[in-house]
N, C-alpha and C. Protein backbone atom coordinates (compact mmCIF):
# COMPACT_ATOMS: atom_id res chain seq x y z
N MET A 1 70.13 -15.85 -31.20
CA MET A 1 70.02 -16.27 -29.82
C MET A 1 71.11 -15.59 -28.99
N ILE A 2 70.72 -15.04 -27.87
CA ILE A 2 71.67 -14.33 -27.01
C ILE A 2 72.53 -15.35 -26.25
N ASP A 3 73.81 -15.05 -26.15
CA ASP A 3 74.68 -15.90 -25.33
C ASP A 3 75.20 -15.07 -24.16
N LEU A 4 75.89 -15.75 -23.26
CA LEU A 4 76.35 -15.09 -22.04
C LEU A 4 77.27 -13.91 -22.34
N GLU A 5 78.14 -14.07 -23.31
CA GLU A 5 79.06 -12.98 -23.67
C GLU A 5 78.28 -11.76 -24.16
N ASP A 6 77.25 -12.00 -24.98
CA ASP A 6 76.41 -10.90 -25.46
C ASP A 6 75.71 -10.20 -24.30
N LEU A 7 75.15 -11.00 -23.40
CA LEU A 7 74.43 -10.45 -22.25
C LEU A 7 75.34 -9.55 -21.42
N MET A 8 76.51 -10.04 -21.10
CA MET A 8 77.41 -9.30 -20.22
C MET A 8 78.09 -8.13 -20.90
N SER A 9 78.06 -8.09 -22.23
CA SER A 9 78.69 -6.98 -22.94
C SER A 9 77.77 -5.77 -23.08
N ILE A 10 76.52 -5.91 -22.69
CA ILE A 10 75.57 -4.79 -22.81
C ILE A 10 75.75 -3.86 -21.61
N PRO A 11 76.16 -2.63 -21.83
CA PRO A 11 76.25 -1.68 -20.71
C PRO A 11 74.86 -1.43 -20.12
N LYS A 12 74.78 -1.30 -18.82
CA LYS A 12 73.48 -1.12 -18.16
C LYS A 12 72.71 0.08 -18.69
N ASN A 13 73.42 1.11 -19.10
CA ASN A 13 72.73 2.29 -19.62
C ASN A 13 72.22 2.09 -21.05
N GLU A 14 72.54 0.94 -21.65
CA GLU A 14 72.06 0.65 -23.00
C GLU A 14 71.09 -0.52 -23.04
N LEU A 15 70.65 -1.01 -21.88
CA LEU A 15 69.74 -2.15 -21.83
C LEU A 15 68.41 -1.85 -22.49
N GLN A 16 67.93 -0.64 -22.34
CA GLN A 16 66.64 -0.28 -22.95
C GLN A 16 66.67 -0.51 -24.45
N GLU A 17 67.73 -0.06 -25.09
CA GLU A 17 67.87 -0.25 -26.53
C GLU A 17 68.13 -1.71 -26.87
N ALA A 18 68.94 -2.37 -26.07
CA ALA A 18 69.28 -3.78 -26.32
C ALA A 18 68.07 -4.69 -26.16
N SER A 19 67.11 -4.29 -25.35
CA SER A 19 65.94 -5.14 -25.12
C SER A 19 65.10 -5.30 -26.38
N LYS A 20 65.31 -4.43 -27.36
CA LYS A 20 64.56 -4.55 -28.61
C LYS A 20 65.13 -5.65 -29.49
N ALA A 21 66.38 -6.04 -29.26
CA ALA A 21 67.03 -7.01 -30.12
C ALA A 21 66.69 -8.48 -29.82
N PRO A 22 66.66 -8.91 -28.54
CA PRO A 22 66.41 -10.33 -28.27
C PRO A 22 65.03 -10.79 -28.75
N ASP A 23 64.99 -12.02 -29.20
CA ASP A 23 63.73 -12.63 -29.62
C ASP A 23 63.05 -13.27 -28.42
N LYS A 24 61.79 -13.60 -28.60
CA LYS A 24 61.08 -14.34 -27.56
C LYS A 24 61.74 -15.69 -27.33
N GLU A 25 62.47 -16.17 -28.33
CA GLU A 25 63.22 -17.42 -28.18
C GLU A 25 64.33 -17.29 -27.14
N ASP A 26 64.76 -16.06 -26.85
CA ASP A 26 65.80 -15.82 -25.85
C ASP A 26 65.28 -15.90 -24.42
N LEU A 27 63.99 -15.80 -24.25
CA LEU A 27 63.42 -15.73 -22.90
C LEU A 27 63.80 -16.92 -22.02
N PRO A 28 63.70 -18.17 -22.50
CA PRO A 28 64.09 -19.28 -21.62
C PRO A 28 65.54 -19.16 -21.14
N GLN A 29 66.44 -18.72 -22.01
CA GLN A 29 67.84 -18.57 -21.61
C GLN A 29 67.99 -17.46 -20.58
N LEU A 30 67.31 -16.35 -20.78
CA LEU A 30 67.38 -15.25 -19.82
C LEU A 30 66.83 -15.69 -18.46
N VAL A 31 65.73 -16.42 -18.47
CA VAL A 31 65.15 -16.91 -17.21
C VAL A 31 66.11 -17.89 -16.54
N GLU A 32 66.74 -18.74 -17.32
CA GLU A 32 67.71 -19.69 -16.75
C GLU A 32 68.85 -18.95 -16.06
N TRP A 33 69.30 -17.85 -16.64
CA TRP A 33 70.39 -17.08 -16.04
C TRP A 33 69.98 -16.45 -14.71
N LEU A 34 68.70 -16.36 -14.44
CA LEU A 34 68.26 -15.84 -13.15
C LEU A 34 68.66 -16.76 -12.00
N THR A 35 68.99 -18.00 -12.32
CA THR A 35 69.41 -18.96 -11.29
C THR A 35 70.93 -19.07 -11.19
N SER A 36 71.64 -18.27 -11.94
CA SER A 36 73.10 -18.30 -11.93
C SER A 36 73.64 -17.96 -10.54
N GLY A 37 74.77 -18.53 -10.22
CA GLY A 37 75.43 -18.20 -8.96
C GLY A 37 76.17 -16.87 -9.01
N ASP A 38 76.29 -16.31 -10.19
CA ASP A 38 77.00 -15.04 -10.39
C ASP A 38 75.98 -13.89 -10.32
N ASP A 39 76.15 -13.04 -9.34
CA ASP A 39 75.22 -11.91 -9.16
C ASP A 39 75.14 -11.01 -10.39
N ASN A 40 76.26 -10.79 -11.05
CA ASN A 40 76.27 -9.91 -12.22
C ASN A 40 75.44 -10.48 -13.37
N ILE A 41 75.55 -11.79 -13.59
CA ILE A 41 74.77 -12.44 -14.64
C ILE A 41 73.29 -12.38 -14.30
N ARG A 42 72.96 -12.72 -13.05
CA ARG A 42 71.55 -12.70 -12.62
C ARG A 42 70.96 -11.30 -12.78
N TYR A 43 71.69 -10.29 -12.34
CA TYR A 43 71.17 -8.93 -12.37
C TYR A 43 70.98 -8.43 -13.81
N GLN A 44 71.95 -8.73 -14.67
CA GLN A 44 71.85 -8.30 -16.06
C GLN A 44 70.65 -8.98 -16.74
N ALA A 45 70.47 -10.28 -16.51
CA ALA A 45 69.33 -11.00 -17.09
C ALA A 45 68.02 -10.44 -16.53
N PHE A 46 67.99 -10.18 -15.23
CA PHE A 46 66.81 -9.62 -14.60
C PHE A 46 66.43 -8.27 -15.21
N LEU A 47 67.41 -7.39 -15.36
CA LEU A 47 67.13 -6.07 -15.92
C LEU A 47 66.60 -6.16 -17.34
N LEU A 48 67.20 -7.02 -18.14
CA LEU A 48 66.76 -7.17 -19.52
C LEU A 48 65.34 -7.74 -19.59
N LEU A 49 65.05 -8.73 -18.76
CA LEU A 49 63.70 -9.29 -18.71
C LEU A 49 62.69 -8.26 -18.22
N GLN A 50 63.07 -7.48 -17.23
CA GLN A 50 62.17 -6.46 -16.69
C GLN A 50 61.83 -5.42 -17.76
N ILE A 51 62.82 -4.95 -18.48
CA ILE A 51 62.59 -3.96 -19.53
C ILE A 51 61.70 -4.54 -20.62
N GLU A 52 61.99 -5.78 -21.03
CA GLU A 52 61.17 -6.42 -22.07
C GLU A 52 59.73 -6.59 -21.61
N ALA A 53 59.56 -7.03 -20.38
CA ALA A 53 58.21 -7.27 -19.86
C ALA A 53 57.42 -5.97 -19.77
N LEU A 54 58.05 -4.92 -19.30
CA LEU A 54 57.36 -3.65 -19.16
C LEU A 54 57.08 -2.97 -20.50
N SER A 55 57.79 -3.39 -21.54
CA SER A 55 57.56 -2.79 -22.85
C SER A 55 56.22 -3.21 -23.43
N GLY A 56 55.66 -4.28 -22.89
CA GLY A 56 54.35 -4.72 -23.36
C GLY A 56 54.40 -5.71 -24.49
N ASP A 57 55.58 -6.02 -24.98
CA ASP A 57 55.70 -6.96 -26.09
C ASP A 57 55.51 -8.41 -25.65
N ILE A 58 55.77 -8.69 -24.39
CA ILE A 58 55.74 -10.06 -23.91
C ILE A 58 54.46 -10.36 -23.14
N LEU A 59 54.09 -9.45 -22.28
CA LEU A 59 52.96 -9.70 -21.38
C LEU A 59 51.68 -9.09 -21.90
N ASP A 60 50.57 -9.80 -21.65
CA ASP A 60 49.29 -9.20 -21.97
C ASP A 60 49.00 -8.12 -20.92
N LYS A 61 47.93 -7.38 -21.10
CA LYS A 61 47.66 -6.22 -20.24
C LYS A 61 47.52 -6.61 -18.77
N LYS A 62 46.79 -7.68 -18.47
CA LYS A 62 46.59 -8.09 -17.08
C LYS A 62 47.91 -8.52 -16.45
N SER A 63 48.69 -9.32 -17.16
CA SER A 63 49.96 -9.78 -16.64
C SER A 63 50.93 -8.63 -16.43
N ARG A 64 50.93 -7.67 -17.36
CA ARG A 64 51.82 -6.52 -17.22
C ARG A 64 51.46 -5.71 -15.98
N LYS A 65 50.18 -5.55 -15.71
CA LYS A 65 49.74 -4.82 -14.52
C LYS A 65 50.22 -5.54 -13.25
N GLN A 66 50.11 -6.87 -13.23
CA GLN A 66 50.59 -7.64 -12.09
C GLN A 66 52.10 -7.48 -11.92
N PHE A 67 52.82 -7.51 -13.04
CA PHE A 67 54.26 -7.36 -13.02
C PHE A 67 54.64 -5.98 -12.47
N GLU A 68 53.96 -4.94 -12.94
CA GLU A 68 54.24 -3.58 -12.47
C GLU A 68 53.95 -3.45 -10.99
N THR A 69 52.86 -4.05 -10.53
CA THR A 69 52.50 -4.01 -9.11
C THR A 69 53.55 -4.70 -8.27
N LEU A 70 54.01 -5.87 -8.74
CA LEU A 70 55.03 -6.61 -8.02
C LEU A 70 56.31 -5.80 -7.88
N PHE A 71 56.78 -5.19 -8.95
CA PHE A 71 58.04 -4.45 -8.89
C PHE A 71 57.89 -3.09 -8.23
N ALA A 72 56.70 -2.58 -8.13
CA ALA A 72 56.51 -1.32 -7.40
C ALA A 72 56.74 -1.52 -5.91
N SER A 73 56.59 -2.75 -5.45
CA SER A 73 56.74 -3.03 -4.03
C SER A 73 58.21 -3.20 -3.61
N PHE A 74 59.13 -3.23 -4.57
CA PHE A 74 60.55 -3.41 -4.24
C PHE A 74 61.21 -2.11 -3.95
């Protein structure tokens, strides 16, 4: 299970590789960190969730397409 120290110790340029390590059991914790008052924690959790979601391991094809469409608008 990922903890806050683990999350914050991942360099942004290594998130792609790190996204292979967390389990689906980590998802609730990562989503919870999206509500953190700390911008750095929120952003790191967001990036990790985004990479995992786009990898196709979490989302089915329809949901992944919706996710990609949503983030293309940012």
